[in-house]
Amino acid sequence: MTDLLYTTPAKVIKEYLITNNYFDAPALAAVWPLYTGHLPDENKDSACLYDSPGLLDGTVLSTGETIEHFGIQLHIRSKEYDDGWLKANEVVVFLETVFSQEVEIDSVSYRIENVYRTSSVNYIGTDEKRRFEFSVNFRTDVKPV
């Protein structure tokens, strides 16, 4: 049986990215705020992580543990095309170096075993305010400690 996660993988990765100064917490007067599940319509450079379909990779027979690679999507919105593209690629390079890192959320510790990209950085167009939008998909192994 898989250990119970008390928060979503997107929130765990969000906390890790904020802790490592790739984004700011939304509650601050942030330059690059990072949200989960919903990207507010504020007029600044910002990003959001969404939980997305993952991959079930079988069961360990000796323990009954289900191997699950959780899906997450990073959505970046920027007033400048080059700034959005660069931010997305900086995050890709950083997340691909993750190996067995711990994050604490609400007094619960989680271990991010790894993060791997399942798509390239995609330009997905502009929104109604002519801000440029990019997305990139990942899978991650997250477990409570």
Foldseek 3Di string as FASTA:
>chain_A
DAADDPDDPQVQVQQVCCVVPLWHDPVDPTQEHEAEPDDDPDPHKYKYKYWDDWDFDQADVVPRHIDIWTKMKMKIWHQDPVVRLVSVVVVQVVQQPDAFDWDDDPNWIKTWHGKHWPDDWAFDAADPVRITMIMTMIITGMGTD
